[in-house]
Amino acid sequence: MADLFVPEIMTELRKDIVRVPEVIMGASGIKIFGKLIRSIIFTTDIAIIRNTNANAVIAVYPFTPHPAITKSIIEAADIPVFSGVGGGLTQGMRSAYMSLFAEAQGSLGVVLNGPTPVETVHDVCQVVDIPVISTVTSKYSEIDEKLAAGITIINISAGKDTADTVRFFREKYPELPIIATGGPTEESIKETIEAGANAITYTPPSSGELFSRKMDKYRKIEKTN
């Protein structure tokens, strides 16, 4: 069947958004509570979260999770949020409590870091009724016990080896939902999808980079006037 025409509605004030690479549309997506998720923007910047065409946001950050941060992101977002709840420095019951807070505040899912012990995975899976996602950093990550404890999705972030790592786990688990980082180019994103990723995380330019581009544009306009 031929591709259907998709009308797009934008306004002058909202047309300048952060768009995820079009190639991500080639991913199958993961359907969670009826919502099809293909593209996931990786940021905690509320301004970017409010101005993107991504299907969802993954809000993880290099500090211990805090309910105030989760609440702020979810309230500002107009797309589903996957909230980081620890697993590295933060473990045990604090991760479980953070997961409860995240679910109560409206998170579509919660994300545990790679080093999360199985006991913490079990604690989190026992208290929430949303998907619990485990981050995988290499093909050597042990996930069998975590899957048995209740993990429903894995999030592969293996740097330059991400596509190979996706391929490894896809062969081992043919039906396991896999989110993966796509890398910096359309070619690397396509390779990751072809390796078996169902959804792709995209790291956007920072607000500083985006503002710098806009200022360059303004300077050029002033120069020509």
C-alpha atoms as a PDB file:
ATOM      1  CA  MET A   1       0.000   0.000   0.000  1.00  0.00           C
ATOM      2  CA  ALA A   2       1.325   3.456  -0.888  1.00  0.00           C
ATOM      3  CA  ASP A   3       2.387   5.779   1.907  1.00  0.00           C
ATOM      4  CA  LEU A   4      -0.520   7.869   3.098  1.00  0.00           C
ATOM      5  CA  PHE A   5      -0.293  11.646   3.141  1.00  0.00           C
ATOM      6  CA  VAL A   6      -0.061  12.928   6.714  1.00  0.00           C
ATOM      7  CA  PRO A   7      -1.270  16.515   7.194  1.00  0.00           C
ATOM      8  CA  GLU A   8       0.799  18.540   9.676  1.00  0.00           C
ATOM      9  CA  ILE A   9      -0.524  21.473  11.667  1.00  0.00           C
ATOM     10  CA  MET A  10       1.994  24.015  13.003  1.00  0.00           C
ATOM     11  CA  THR A  11       1.938  27.671  13.979  1.00  0.00           C
ATOM     12  CA  GLU A  12       4.539  30.358  13.448  1.00  0.00           C
ATOM     13  CA  LEU A  13       5.416  30.375  17.152  1.00  0.00           C
ATOM     14  CA  ARG A  14       5.734  26.594  17.488  1.00  0.00           C
ATOM     15  CA  LYS A  15       7.286  25.542  14.188  1.00  0.00           C
ATOM     16  CA  ASP A  16      10.876  25.734  15.493  1.00  0.00           C
ATOM     17  CA  ILE A  17      10.905  22.453  17.416  1.00  0.00           C
ATOM     18  CA  VAL A  18      13.505  19.753  18.053  1.00  0.00           C
ATOM     19  CA  ARG A  19      12.698  17.044  15.535  1.00  0.00           C
ATOM     20  CA  VAL A  20      13.961  13.510  15.953  1.00  0.00           C
ATOM     21  CA  PRO A  21      15.548  11.936  12.843  1.00  0.00           C
ATOM     22  CA  GLU A  22      12.893  10.716  10.392  1.00  0.00           C
ATOM     23  CA  VAL A  23      14.642   7.349  10.067  1.00  0.00           C
ATOM     24  CA  ILE A  24      13.345   6.436  13.549  1.00  0.00           C
ATOM     25  CA  MET A  25       9.902   6.022  11.965  1.00  0.00           C
ATOM     26  CA  GLY A  26      11.264   2.768  10.545  1.00  0.00           C
ATOM     27  CA  ALA A  27      11.293   1.201  14.024  1.00  0.00           C
ATOM     28  CA  SER A  28       8.401  -1.060  14.987  1.00  0.00           C
ATOM     29  CA  GLY A  29       7.743   0.828  18.204  1.00  0.00           C
ATOM     30  CA  ILE A  30       6.610  -0.471  21.585  1.00  0.00           C
ATOM     31  CA  LYS A  31       2.932  -0.203  22.479  1.00  0.00           C
ATOM     32  CA  ILE A  32       2.498   0.677  26.159  1.00  0.00           C
ATOM     33  CA  PHE A  33      -1.044   1.054  27.494  1.00  0.00           C
ATOM     34  CA  GLY A  34      -2.206   1.690  23.937  1.00  0.00           C
ATOM     35  CA  LYS A  35       0.457   4.330  23.168  1.00  0.00           C
ATOM     36  CA  LEU A  36       2.892   3.486  20.353  1.00  0.00           C
ATOM     37  CA  ILE A  37       6.399   4.689  21.248  1.00  0.00           C
ATOM     38  CA  ARG A  38       9.099   4.792  18.548  1.00  0.00           C
ATOM     39  CA  SER A  39      11.148   7.895  19.354  1.00  0.00           C
ATOM     40  CA  ILE A  40      12.287   8.825  22.867  1.00  0.00           C
ATOM     41  CA  ILE A  41      14.150  12.058  23.522  1.00  0.00           C
ATOM     42  CA  PHE A  42      16.898  11.830  26.152  1.00  0.00           C
ATOM     43  CA  THR A  43      16.829  15.046  28.155  1.00  0.00           C
ATOM     44  CA  THR A  44      15.707  16.677  31.390  1.00  0.00           C
ATOM     45  CA  ASP A  45      15.518  20.126  29.783  1.00  0.00           C
ATOM     46  CA  ILE A  46      11.893  21.193  30.191  1.00  0.00           C
ATOM     47  CA  ALA A  47      12.088  23.708  27.339  1.00  0.00           C
ATOM     48  CA  ILE A  48      13.204  20.989  24.912  1.00  0.00           C
ATOM     49  CA  ILE A  49      10.651  18.524  26.270  1.00  0.00           C
ATOM     50  CA  ARG A  50       7.903  21.054  25.526  1.00  0.00           C
ATOM     51  CA  ASN A  51       9.191  21.641  21.999  1.00  0.00           C
ATOM     52  CA  THR A  52       9.843  18.285  20.333  1.00  0.00           C
ATOM     53  CA  ASN A  53       8.053  15.838  18.072  1.00  0.00           C
ATOM     54  CA  ALA A  54       9.402  12.804  19.947  1.00  0.00           C
ATOM     55  CA  ASN A  55       6.831  10.261  21.144  1.00  0.00           C
ATOM     56  CA  ALA A  56       8.199  10.208  24.704  1.00  0.00           C
ATOM     57  CA  VAL A  57      11.008  11.412  26.963  1.00  0.00           C
ATOM     58  CA  ILE A  58      13.460   9.400  29.035  1.00  0.00           C
ATOM     59  CA  ALA A  59      14.368  11.507  32.064  1.00  0.00           C
ATOM     60  CA  VAL A  60      17.442  10.058  33.718  1.00  0.00           C
ATOM     61  CA  TYR A  61      20.245  12.146  35.203  1.00  0.00           C
ATOM     62  CA  PRO A  62      23.582  11.681  37.030  1.00  0.00           C
ATOM     63  CA  PHE A  63      22.264  12.477  40.521  1.00  0.00           C
ATOM     64  CA  THR A  64      20.178  10.627  43.065  1.00  0.00           C
ATOM     65  CA  PRO A  65      16.535  10.734  41.898  1.00  0.00           C
ATOM     66  CA  HIS A  66      14.238  13.209  43.613  1.00  0.00           C
ATOM     67  CA  PRO A  67      10.428  13.453  43.483  1.00  0.00           C
ATOM     68  CA  ALA A  68      10.571  17.226  42.865  1.00  0.00           C
ATOM     69  CA  ILE A  69      12.551  16.697  39.642  1.00  0.00           C
ATOM     70  CA  THR A  70      10.249  13.935  38.434  1.00  0.00           C
ATOM     71  CA  LYS A  71       7.163  16.026  39.246  1.00  0.00           C
ATOM     72  CA  SER A  72       8.512  19.088  37.414  1.00  0.00           C
ATOM     73  CA  ILE A  73       9.300  17.131  34.253  1.00  0.00           C
ATOM     74  CA  ILE A  74       5.966  15.295  34.151  1.00  0.00           C
ATOM     75  CA  GLU A  75       3.961  18.477  34.773  1.00  0.00           C
ATOM     76  CA  ALA A  76       5.795  20.308  31.983  1.00  0.00           C
ATOM     77  CA  ALA A  77       5.736  17.451  29.458  1.00  0.00           C
ATOM     78  CA  ASP A  78       2.959  16.970  26.921  1.00  0.00           C
ATOM     79  CA  ILE A  79       4.337  13.531  25.994  1.00  0.00           C
ATOM     80  CA  PRO A  80       4.776  10.358  28.097  1.00  0.00           C
ATOM     81  CA  VAL A  81       7.729  10.281  30.516  1.00  0.00           C
ATOM     82  CA  PHE A  82       9.983   7.399  31.502  1.00  0.00           C
ATOM     83  CA  SER A  83      11.490   8.428  34.848  1.00  0.00           C
ATOM     84  CA  GLY A  84      14.865   7.399  36.234  1.00  0.00           C
ATOM     85  CA  VAL A  85      14.565   5.918  39.727  1.00  0.00           C
ATOM     86  CA  GLY A  86      18.176   4.983  40.481  1.00  0.00           C
ATOM     87  CA  GLY A  87      19.872   1.626  40.605  1.00  0.00           C
ATOM     88  CA  GLY A  88      23.477   2.797  40.776  1.00  0.00           C
ATOM     89  CA  LEU A  89      24.119   5.033  43.782  1.00  0.00           C
ATOM     90  CA  THR A  90      20.446   4.853  44.760  1.00  0.00           C
ATOM     91  CA  GLN A  91      19.155   1.348  45.467  1.00  0.00           C
ATOM     92  CA  GLY A  92      16.793  -0.686  47.637  1.00  0.00           C
ATOM     93  CA  MET A  93      13.697   0.832  49.154  1.00  0.00           C
ATOM     94  CA  ARG A  94      14.585   4.373  48.047  1.00  0.00           C
ATOM     95  CA  SER A  95      14.351   3.215  44.424  1.00  0.00           C
ATOM     96  CA  ALA A  96      11.059   1.492  45.244  1.00  0.00           C
ATOM     97  CA  TYR A  97       9.667   4.664  46.854  1.00  0.00           C
ATOM     98  CA  MET A  98      10.874   6.765  43.931  1.00  0.00           C
ATOM     99  CA  SER A  99       9.084   4.363  41.584  1.00  0.00           C
ATOM    100  CA  LEU A 100       5.855   4.750  43.550  1.00  0.00           C
ATOM    101  CA  PHE A 101       6.178   8.538  43.403  1.00  0.00           C
ATOM    102  CA  ALA A 102       6.889   8.415  39.671  1.00  0.00           C
ATOM    103  CA  GLU A 103       3.843   6.251  38.965  1.00  0.00           C
ATOM    104  CA  ALA A 104       1.611   8.447  41.137  1.00  0.00           C
ATOM    105  CA  GLN A 105       2.857  11.561  39.337  1.00  0.00           C
ATOM    106  CA  GLY A 106       2.058  10.067  35.929  1.00  0.00           C
ATOM    107  CA  SER A 107       5.178   8.326  34.584  1.00  0.00           C
ATOM    108  CA  LEU A 108       4.553   5.839  31.780  1.00  0.00           C
ATOM    109  CA  GLY A 109       7.454   3.716  33.044  1.00  0.00           C
ATOM    110  CA  VAL A 110      10.471   3.760  35.353  1.00  0.00           C
ATOM    111  CA  VAL A 111      14.116   3.211  34.427  1.00  0.00           C
ATOM    112  CA  LEU A 112      16.711   1.419  36.561  1.00  0.00           C
ATOM    113  CA  ASN A 113      20.421   1.874  35.942  1.00  0.00           C
ATOM    114  CA  GLY A 114      22.736  -0.929  34.836  1.00  0.00           C
ATOM    115  CA  PRO A 115      24.295  -1.775  38.241  1.00  0.00           C
ATOM    116  CA  THR A 116      20.893  -2.288  39.902  1.00  0.00           C
ATOM    117  CA  PRO A 117      20.962  -5.435  42.055  1.00  0.00           C
ATOM    118  CA  VAL A 118      18.246  -8.029  41.492  1.00  0.00           C
ATOM    119  CA  GLU A 119      16.856  -7.369  44.979  1.00  0.00           C
ATOM    120  CA  THR A 120      16.140  -3.741  44.054  1.00  0.00           C
ATOM    121  CA  VAL A 121      14.568  -4.819  40.745  1.00  0.00           C
ATOM    122  CA  HIS A 122      12.286  -7.134  42.701  1.00  0.00           C
ATOM    123  CA  ASP A 123      11.343  -4.393  45.201  1.00  0.00           C
ATOM    124  CA  VAL A 124      10.464  -1.962  42.408  1.00  0.00           C
ATOM    125  CA  CYS A 125       8.497  -4.502  40.360  1.00  0.00           C
ATOM    126  CA  GLN A 126       6.454  -5.412  43.435  1.00  0.00           C
ATOM    127  CA  VAL A 127       5.161  -1.891  44.028  1.00  0.00           C
ATOM    128  CA  VAL A 128       4.403  -0.409  40.591  1.00  0.00           C
ATOM    129  CA  ASP A 129       1.918  -1.227  37.853  1.00  0.00           C
ATOM    130  CA  ILE A 130       3.883   0.411  35.029  1.00  0.00           C
ATOM    131  CA  PRO A 131       6.753  -1.019  32.955  1.00  0.00           C
ATOM    132  CA  VAL A 132      10.087  -1.344  34.746  1.00  0.00           C
ATOM    133  CA  ILE A 133      12.980  -0.789  32.330  1.00  0.00           C
ATOM    134  CA  SER A 134      16.520  -2.039  32.930  1.00  0.00           C
ATOM    135  CA  THR A 135      19.476  -0.274  31.333  1.00  0.00           C
ATOM    136  CA  VAL A 136      21.980  -2.569  29.612  1.00  0.00           C
ATOM    137  CA  THR A 137      25.508  -1.304  28.953  1.00  0.00           C
ATOM    138  CA  SER A 138      27.090  -4.249  27.104  1.00  0.00           C
ATOM    139  CA  LYS A 139      26.416  -7.747  25.802  1.00  0.00           C
ATOM    140  CA  TYR A 140      27.974  -9.007  29.039  1.00  0.00           C
ATOM    141  CA  SER A 141      25.163  -7.532  31.159  1.00  0.00           C
ATOM    142  CA  GLU A 142      23.346 -10.303  33.027  1.00  0.00           C
ATOM    143  CA  ILE A 143      19.617  -9.787  32.638  1.00  0.00           C
ATOM    144  CA  ASP A 144      18.043 -13.245  33.079  1.00  0.00           C
ATOM    145  CA  GLU A 145      17.432 -12.784  36.812  1.00  0.00           C
ATOM    146  CA  LYS A 146      16.183  -9.228  36.281  1.00  0.00           C
ATOM    147  CA  LEU A 147      13.690 -10.409  33.672  1.00  0.00           C
ATOM    148  CA  ALA A 148      12.535 -13.102  36.082  1.00  0.00           C
ATOM    149  CA  ALA A 149      12.142 -10.420  38.778  1.00  0.00           C
ATOM    150  CA  GLY A 150       9.770  -8.424  36.573  1.00  0.00           C
ATOM    151  CA  ILE A 151      11.700  -6.296  34.072  1.00  0.00           C
ATOM    152  CA  THR A 152       9.574  -5.874  30.930  1.00  0.00           C
ATOM    153  CA  ILE A 153      11.798  -3.688  28.697  1.00  0.00           C
ATOM    154  CA  ILE A 154      15.556  -3.269  28.338  1.00  0.00           C
ATOM    155  CA  ASN A 155      17.244  -0.001  27.411  1.00  0.00           C
ATOM    156  CA  ILE A 156      20.539  -0.642  25.632  1.00  0.00           C
ATOM    157  CA  SER A 157      23.182   2.067  25.882  1.00  0.00           C
ATOM    158  CA  ALA A 158      26.493   0.501  24.842  1.00  0.00           C
ATOM    159  CA  GLY A 159      28.220   3.376  23.054  1.00  0.00           C
ATOM    160  CA  LYS A 160      29.746   2.412  19.723  1.00  0.00           C
ATOM    161  CA  ASP A 161      28.829  -1.227  20.396  1.00  0.00           C
ATOM    162  CA  THR A 162      25.113  -0.547  20.783  1.00  0.00           C
ATOM    163  CA  ALA A 163      24.009  -2.115  17.480  1.00  0.00           C
ATOM    164  CA  ASP A 164      26.038  -5.281  18.168  1.00  0.00           C
ATOM    165  CA  THR A 165      24.626  -5.434  21.693  1.00  0.00           C
ATOM    166  CA  VAL A 166      21.068  -5.052  20.381  1.00  0.00           C
ATOM    167  CA  ARG A 167      21.717  -7.832  17.880  1.00  0.00           C
ATOM    168  CA  PHE A 168      23.056 -10.099  20.658  1.00  0.00           C
ATOM    169  CA  PHE A 169      20.029  -9.661  22.924  1.00  0.00           C
ATOM    170  CA  ARG A 170      17.528  -9.781  20.044  1.00  0.00           C
ATOM    171  CA  GLU A 171      18.861 -13.210  19.033  1.00  0.00           C
ATOM    172  CA  LYS A 172      18.643 -14.381  22.647  1.00  0.00           C
ATOM    173  CA  TYR A 173      15.198 -12.856  23.326  1.00  0.00           C
ATOM    174  CA  PRO A 174      13.222 -12.630  20.044  1.00  0.00           C
ATOM    175  CA  GLU A 175      10.166 -10.938  21.583  1.00  0.00           C
ATOM    176  CA  LEU A 176      11.727  -8.785  24.306  1.00  0.00           C
ATOM    177  CA  PRO A 177      10.915  -5.045  23.904  1.00  0.00           C
ATOM    178  CA  ILE A 178      14.206  -3.209  23.300  1.00  0.00           C
ATOM    179  CA  ILE A 179      14.904   0.514  23.519  1.00  0.00           C
ATOM    180  CA  ALA A 180      18.371   1.568  22.323  1.00  0.00           C
ATOM    181  CA  THR A 181      20.463   4.658  21.734  1.00  0.00           C
ATOM    182  CA  GLY A 182      20.647   5.371  18.034  1.00  0.00           C
ATOM    183  CA  GLY A 183      23.959   7.165  17.838  1.00  0.00           C
ATOM    184  CA  PRO A 184      24.814  10.438  16.077  1.00  0.00           C
ATOM    185  CA  THR A 185      23.915   9.641  12.464  1.00  0.00           C
ATOM    186  CA  GLU A 186      20.967   8.358  10.458  1.00  0.00           C
ATOM    187  CA  GLU A 187      23.143   5.432   9.387  1.00  0.00           C
ATOM    188  CA  SER A 188      23.858   4.398  12.986  1.00  0.00           C
ATOM    189  CA  ILE A 189      20.177   4.747  13.894  1.00  0.00           C
ATOM    190  CA  LYS A 190      19.157   2.587  10.929  1.00  0.00           C
ATOM    191  CA  GLU A 191      21.757  -0.033  11.874  1.00  0.00           C
ATOM    192  CA  THR A 192      20.428  -0.135  15.437  1.00  0.00           C
ATOM    193  CA  ILE A 193      16.851  -0.580  14.207  1.00  0.00           C
ATOM    194  CA  GLU A 194      17.891  -3.321  11.779  1.00  0.00           C
ATOM    195  CA  ALA A 195      19.736  -5.036  14.641  1.00  0.00           C
ATOM    196  CA  GLY A 196      16.414  -5.360  16.460  1.00  0.00           C
ATOM    197  CA  ALA A 197      15.677  -2.203  18.461  1.00  0.00           C
ATOM    198  CA  ASN A 198      11.955  -1.463  18.749  1.00  0.00           C
ATOM    199  CA  ALA A 199      12.395   2.156  19.870  1.00  0.00           C
ATOM    200  CA  ILE A 200      15.251   4.653  19.671  1.00  0.00           C
ATOM    201  CA  THR A 201      16.476   7.229  22.171  1.00  0.00           C
ATOM    202  CA  TYR A 202      17.737  10.459  20.636  1.00  0.00           C
ATOM    203  CA  THR A 203      20.023  12.931  22.394  1.00  0.00           C
ATOM    204  CA  PRO A 204      19.109  16.456  21.236  1.00  0.00           C
ATOM    205  CA  PRO A 205      21.415  19.460  21.028  1.00  0.00           C
ATOM    206  CA  SER A 206      21.594  21.385  24.288  1.00  0.00           C
ATOM    207  CA  SER A 207      19.570  24.566  24.816  1.00  0.00           C
ATOM    208  CA  GLY A 208      22.858  26.467  24.596  1.00  0.00           C
ATOM    209  CA  GLU A 209      23.641  24.988  21.175  1.00  0.00           C
ATOM    210  CA  LEU A 210      20.129  25.657  19.898  1.00  0.00           C
ATOM    211  CA  PHE A 211      20.201  29.232  21.159  1.00  0.00           C
ATOM    212  CA  SER A 212      23.624  29.783  19.588  1.00  0.00           C
ATOM    213  CA  ARG A 213      22.223  28.738  16.189  1.00  0.00           C
ATOM    214  CA  LYS A 214      19.290  31.093  16.622  1.00  0.00           C
ATOM    215  CA  MET A 215      21.581  33.999  17.545  1.00  0.00           C
ATOM    216  CA  ASP A 216      23.675  33.342  14.420  1.00  0.00           C
ATOM    217  CA  LYS A 217      20.473  33.541  12.392  1.00  0.00           C
ATOM    218  CA  TYR A 218      19.507  36.837  14.045  1.00  0.00           C
ATOM    219  CA  ARG A 219      22.957  38.305  13.358  1.00  0.00           C
ATOM    220  CA  LYS A 220      22.707  37.401   9.678  1.00  0.00           C
ATOM    221  CA  ILE A 221      19.281  39.054   9.463  1.00  0.00           C
ATOM    222  CA  GLU A 222      20.617  42.230  11.068  1.00  0.00           C
ATOM    223  CA  LYS A 223      23.598  42.262   8.725  1.00  0.00           C
ATOM    224  CA  THR A 224      21.398  42.106   5.613  1.00  0.00           C
ATOM    225  CA  ASN A 225      18.937  44.774   6.816  1.00  0.00           C
END
